[in-house]
Amino acid sequence: MGNARFPEAAVTTPLLWHFPISHYNEKVRWALDYKRIPHRREVLAASYLPRAWWATGAAHLPVLHLQSGAVGDSTAIIAALEAQWPDPPLYPQDPDLRARALEIEDWFDEEIGHPARTLLVGPLMTESGAERTADVMMRGMGGGARTAFRLLHPVFYRFYFWRHGVHDESRRKAPGVVASGLDRIAKETGAAGYLVGDSFTVADLTAAALLAPIARPQGTIWAAIEGMPDEVERFLEELGDHPGIAWVHEIYRRHRGESAEVRSQTRTRPGG
């Protein structure tokens, strides 16, 4: 879902509705920061479903409000940013390289992003209890959101699993699928250290952002999370020296940079 249905009233500075722990939301935060686009951020919790639906016609975050209206879906948001703020570019100018970058973006979006979430959230929600799950899932939110999550945990995790396709089969397959994403990075990274051509593109940004919860690069929200369920920690330990993990860390080091958020105007609604 790309085009807006309803604009946020009087948006002069881009406004991002986001969920701090989400890797798809990180993908858009990174694009905004990389392009040095001043923007505001509003954390949405329980209210995101109806609000995102109202704005874009799809109940998903992130949602970016521009003067032209609201845009949902990380891929559509980056396309809108490229059209309005083309420099520095995330799309290669060469048509063949651009097509390859977009193919890799789509592959990581569709094939890796969901299994990476399943790998971590599945064991967390079923084995770690409401308190620990709230501590991880609600990072970057206020106490009200954490309290609500703890109270609703027995119902919420079942809804979450249904909504995101988390079940026994997807959990069984997730480690191998995530490993295949890291293997593709190791196989296709060029001499300059990038997946497409010799410069940073949307392909690198997407692959690194969606694998950040697995690689936990320094300075990210995921780096501070310790004590995940045993099966998760075992998998992460096995991947410790994988070249794909090292690549994610290096791409973050080279290109993540500082936030372009206009912090003085940030709006946060901890309880949703």
Protein backbone atom coordinates (compact mmCIF):
# COMPACT_ATOMS: atom_id res chain seq x y z
CA MET A 1 0.00 0.00 0.00
CA GLY A 2 1.77 3.12 -1.13
CA ASN A 3 -0.44 6.09 -1.87
CA ALA A 4 -2.19 8.07 0.80
CA ARG A 5 -5.90 7.98 1.41
CA PHE A 6 -5.96 10.73 4.02
CA PRO A 7 -3.26 13.31 4.77
CA GLU A 8 -2.30 14.24 8.31
CA ALA A 9 -3.54 17.81 8.75
CA ALA A 10 -0.98 20.51 8.04
CA VAL A 11 2.11 18.27 7.82
CA THR A 12 4.99 20.61 6.97
CA THR A 13 7.69 18.40 8.50
CA PRO A 14 7.47 14.68 7.61
CA LEU A 15 5.92 12.71 10.47
CA LEU A 16 6.77 9.05 11.00
CA TRP A 17 4.44 6.77 12.91
CA HIS A 18 6.62 3.90 14.05
CA PHE A 19 7.20 1.03 16.43
CA PRO A 20 10.74 1.26 17.89
CA ILE A 21 11.61 -2.44 18.02
CA SER A 22 10.41 -3.27 14.50
CA HIS A 23 13.05 -3.92 11.86
CA TYR A 24 10.72 -2.79 9.06
CA ASN A 25 10.33 0.50 10.90
CA GLU A 26 14.11 0.68 11.27
CA LYS A 27 14.38 0.43 7.50
CA VAL A 28 12.43 3.68 7.11
CA ARG A 29 14.12 5.44 10.02
CA TRP A 30 17.46 4.66 8.39
CA ALA A 31 16.34 6.00 5.00
CA LEU A 32 15.17 9.26 6.58
CA ASP A 33 18.39 9.61 8.54
CA TYR A 34 20.63 8.67 5.61
CA LYS A 35 19.03 11.34 3.45
CA ARG A 36 19.24 13.82 6.36
CA ILE A 37 15.53 14.60 6.11
CA PRO A 38 14.34 16.49 9.20
CA HIS A 39 11.29 14.65 10.48
CA ARG A 40 9.21 14.02 13.55
CA ARG A 41 8.49 10.62 15.03
CA GLU A 42 5.45 9.43 16.92
CA VAL A 43 5.53 6.09 18.69
CA LEU A 44 2.29 4.16 18.32
CA ALA A 45 1.36 1.26 20.53
CA ALA A 46 -2.10 -0.29 20.83
CA SER A 47 -3.73 2.40 18.72
CA TYR A 48 -1.68 1.72 15.62
CA LEU A 49 -4.14 -0.69 13.96
CA PRO A 50 -7.09 1.70 13.47
CA ARG A 51 -4.88 4.75 12.98
CA ALA A 52 -2.70 3.14 10.32
CA TRP A 53 -5.80 1.77 8.59
CA TRP A 54 -7.40 5.19 8.61
CA ALA A 55 -4.28 6.78 7.15
CA THR A 56 -3.33 4.28 4.43
CA GLY A 57 -5.98 1.59 4.17
CA ALA A 58 -3.66 -1.04 5.69
CA ALA A 59 -3.15 -1.76 9.38
CA HIS A 60 0.63 -1.76 9.33
CA LEU A 61 3.47 0.43 10.50
CA PRO A 62 5.51 2.36 9.53
CA VAL A 63 3.41 5.17 8.13
CA LEU A 64 5.05 8.36 6.90
CA HIS A 65 2.98 11.53 6.62
CA LEU A 66 4.12 13.92 3.91
CA GLN A 67 2.51 17.07 2.58
CA SER A 68 0.97 14.96 -0.17
CA GLY A 69 -0.53 12.52 2.33
CA ALA A 70 0.25 9.36 4.26
CA VAL A 71 2.36 6.56 2.79
CA GLY A 72 2.43 3.06 4.24
CA ASP A 73 4.82 0.13 3.65
CA SER A 74 8.58 0.56 3.95
CA THR A 75 9.26 -0.04 0.25
CA ALA A 76 6.65 2.51 -0.85
CA ILE A 77 7.94 5.02 1.69
CA ILE A 78 11.51 4.76 0.39
CA ALA A 79 10.23 5.17 -3.17
CA ALA A 80 8.42 8.35 -2.09
CA LEU A 81 11.55 9.64 -0.39
CA GLU A 82 13.63 8.93 -3.50
CA ALA A 83 11.16 10.92 -5.60
CA GLN A 84 11.12 13.95 -3.31
CA TRP A 85 14.65 13.82 -1.84
CA PRO A 86 16.80 12.09 -4.48
CA ASP A 87 20.16 12.96 -2.89
CA PRO A 88 21.94 11.06 -1.56
CA PRO A 89 20.40 8.31 -3.69
CA LEU A 90 19.37 4.87 -2.52
CA TYR A 91 18.45 3.76 -6.04
CA PRO A 92 21.31 3.27 -8.53
CA GLN A 93 21.12 5.39 -11.69
CA ASP A 94 22.04 2.48 -13.95
CA PRO A 95 18.78 0.70 -14.90
CA ASP A 96 20.21 -2.80 -14.53
CA LEU A 97 21.74 -2.05 -11.15
CA ARG A 98 18.55 -0.35 -10.03
CA ALA A 99 16.49 -3.39 -11.02
CA ARG A 100 18.86 -5.64 -9.10
CA ALA A 101 18.77 -3.41 -6.00
CA LEU A 102 14.97 -3.41 -6.01
CA GLU A 103 14.90 -7.19 -6.47
CA ILE A 104 17.15 -7.67 -3.46
CA GLU A 105 15.08 -5.23 -1.42
CA ASP A 106 11.93 -7.17 -2.27
CA TRP A 107 13.56 -10.54 -1.54
CA PHE A 108 14.71 -9.53 1.93
CA ASP A 109 11.35 -7.88 2.63
CA GLU A 110 9.34 -10.93 1.64
CA GLU A 111 11.66 -13.84 2.42
CA ILE A 112 13.78 -12.78 5.41
CA GLY A 113 11.99 -10.06 7.39
CA HIS A 114 9.13 -12.24 8.60
CA PRO A 115 11.23 -15.31 9.53
CA ALA A 116 13.67 -13.05 11.42
CA ARG A 117 10.75 -11.76 13.48
CA THR A 118 9.35 -15.26 13.96
CA LEU A 119 12.71 -16.59 15.10
CA LEU A 120 12.93 -14.06 17.92
CA VAL A 121 9.36 -13.26 18.88
CA GLY A 122 8.00 -16.81 18.82
CA PRO A 123 10.13 -18.13 21.70
CA LEU A 124 10.04 -14.78 23.49
CA MET A 125 6.26 -14.63 23.74
CA THR A 126 5.72 -18.27 24.63
CA GLU A 127 8.63 -18.89 27.00
CA SER A 128 9.75 -15.65 28.60
CA GLY A 129 6.55 -14.49 30.24
CA ALA A 130 4.63 -11.24 30.08
CA GLU A 131 7.14 -9.13 32.02
CA ARG A 132 10.16 -10.03 29.92
CA THR A 133 8.22 -9.90 26.66
CA ALA A 134 6.96 -6.42 27.51
CA ASP A 135 10.51 -5.33 28.32
CA VAL A 136 11.69 -6.36 24.86
CA MET A 137 8.70 -5.62 22.66
CA MET A 138 7.84 -2.28 24.24
CA ARG A 139 11.35 -0.83 24.26
CA GLY A 140 11.28 2.84 23.39
CA MET A 141 7.77 3.20 24.81
CA GLY A 142 6.50 4.49 28.12
CA GLY A 143 5.35 2.67 31.22
CA GLY A 144 1.71 2.77 30.17
CA ALA A 145 2.38 0.70 27.07
CA ARG A 146 4.35 -1.87 29.04
CA THR A 147 1.65 -2.18 31.69
CA ALA A 148 -1.05 -2.63 29.07
CA PHE A 149 1.05 -5.21 27.24
CA ARG A 150 1.65 -7.23 30.41
CA LEU A 151 -2.07 -7.29 31.19
CA LEU A 152 -3.08 -8.22 27.66
CA HIS A 153 -0.23 -10.66 27.02
CA PRO A 154 -2.28 -13.91 27.20
CA VAL A 155 -4.61 -12.62 24.49
CA PHE A 156 -2.23 -10.40 22.57
CA TYR A 157 0.37 -13.01 21.76
CA ARG A 158 -2.25 -15.26 20.19
CA PHE A 159 -3.52 -12.36 18.08
CA TYR A 160 0.07 -11.45 17.16
CA PHE A 161 0.85 -15.01 16.10
CA TRP A 162 -2.29 -15.16 13.95
CA ARG A 163 -1.61 -11.78 12.39
CA HIS A 164 2.04 -12.51 11.53
CA GLY A 165 1.79 -16.20 10.70
CA VAL A 166 3.79 -17.42 13.69
CA HIS A 167 3.09 -21.11 14.26
CA ASP A 168 4.95 -24.37 14.79
CA GLU A 169 5.89 -24.80 11.12
CA SER A 170 7.05 -21.21 10.58
CA ARG A 171 9.06 -21.36 13.80
CA ARG A 172 10.71 -24.60 12.70
CA LYS A 173 11.73 -23.14 9.35
CA ALA A 174 12.77 -19.67 10.55
CA PRO A 175 16.40 -20.39 11.56
CA GLY A 176 17.23 -21.94 8.18
CA VAL A 177 15.55 -19.14 6.27
CA VAL A 178 17.38 -16.46 8.24
CA ALA A 179 20.66 -18.29 7.67
CA SER A 180 19.91 -18.30 3.93
CA GLY A 181 19.69 -14.51 4.01
CA LEU A 182 23.09 -14.29 5.64
CA ASP A 183 24.45 -16.77 3.12
CA ARG A 184 23.15 -14.66 0.24
CA ILE A 185 24.92 -11.62 1.65
CA ALA A 186 28.18 -13.54 1.97
CA LYS A 187 27.85 -14.83 -1.60
CA GLU A 188 26.78 -11.62 -3.36
CA THR A 189 28.72 -8.89 -1.60
CA GLY A 190 31.12 -7.29 -4.06
CA ALA A 191 34.71 -6.13 -3.64
CA ALA A 192 33.55 -2.72 -2.37
CA GLY A 193 31.48 -4.38 0.34
CA TYR A 194 28.05 -3.76 -1.20
CA LEU A 195 25.37 -6.00 -2.66
CA VAL A 196 24.87 -3.94 -5.82
CA GLY A 197 27.65 -2.04 -7.57
CA ASP A 198 30.24 -0.15 -5.61
CA SER A 199 28.06 2.09 -3.42
CA PHE A 200 25.41 1.90 -0.70
CA THR A 201 21.91 1.27 -2.03
CA VAL A 202 18.45 0.30 -0.86
CA ALA A 203 19.57 -3.33 -1.15
CA ASP A 204 22.21 -2.90 1.56
CA LEU A 205 19.94 -0.81 3.76
CA THR A 206 17.13 -3.36 3.59
CA ALA A 207 19.27 -6.42 4.19
CA ALA A 208 21.09 -4.82 7.11
CA ALA A 209 17.97 -3.34 8.73
CA LEU A 210 15.95 -6.55 8.54
CA LEU A 211 18.81 -8.61 9.95
CA ALA A 212 19.70 -6.08 12.66
CA PRO A 213 17.68 -7.90 15.36
CA ILE A 214 19.78 -10.98 14.62
CA ALA A 215 23.17 -9.26 14.24
CA ARG A 216 22.51 -6.67 16.99
CA PRO A 217 24.95 -4.02 15.68
CA GLN A 218 26.39 -1.56 18.16
CA GLY A 219 24.23 1.43 18.98
CA THR A 220 20.94 -0.15 17.93
CA ILE A 221 17.94 -0.92 20.10
CA TRP A 222 18.67 -4.63 19.67
CA ALA A 223 22.26 -4.44 20.92
CA ALA A 224 21.07 -3.75 24.46
CA ILE A 225 18.79 -6.80 24.64
CA GLU A 226 20.23 -9.68 26.62
CA GLY A 227 18.86 -12.91 27.97
CA MET A 228 16.69 -14.06 25.08
CA PRO A 229 15.22 -17.59 25.29
CA ASP A 230 17.78 -20.40 25.15
CA GLU A 231 16.93 -21.56 21.63
CA VAL A 232 17.40 -18.02 20.35
CA GLU A 233 20.70 -17.54 22.15
CA ARG A 234 21.99 -20.87 20.82
CA PHE A 235 21.15 -19.88 17.27
CA LEU A 236 22.75 -16.46 17.66
CA GLU A 237 25.87 -18.05 19.13
CA GLU A 238 26.13 -20.43 16.17
CA LEU A 239 25.96 -17.45 13.81
CA GLY A 240 28.53 -15.44 15.71
CA ASP A 241 31.33 -15.71 13.11
CA HIS A 242 29.12 -15.80 10.01
CA PRO A 243 30.42 -13.29 7.42
CA GLY A 244 26.87 -12.06 6.92
CA ILE A 245 26.74 -10.95 10.56
CA ALA A 246 30.03 -9.12 10.19
CA TRP A 247 28.67 -7.46 7.04
CA VAL A 248 25.61 -6.11 8.88
CA HIS A 249 27.88 -4.60 11.53
CA GLU A 250 30.09 -3.02 8.87
CA ILE A 251 27.18 -1.54 6.90
CA TYR A 252 25.82 -0.03 10.10
CA ARG A 253 29.24 1.37 10.94
CA ARG A 254 29.67 2.91 7.51
CA HIS A 255 26.23 4.28 6.83
CA ARG A 256 23.81 4.37 9.75
CA GLY A 257 24.90 7.79 10.96
CA GLU A 258 23.01 10.09 13.31
CA SER A 259 19.29 10.61 13.54
CA ALA A 260 17.65 13.41 11.55
CA GLU A 261 14.65 13.42 13.89
CA VAL A 262 13.48 16.84 15.05
CA ARG A 263 13.51 15.82 18.67
CA SER A 264 12.08 18.99 20.16
CA GLN A 265 8.83 18.31 18.32
CA THR A 266 8.68 14.55 18.85
CA ARG A 267 5.27 13.29 19.91
CA THR A 268 5.04 10.09 21.88
CA ARG A 269 1.88 8.45 23.14
CA PRO A 270 3.18 5.76 25.49
CA GLY A 271 -0.18 4.18 26.02
CA GLY A 272 -1.03 4.13 22.35
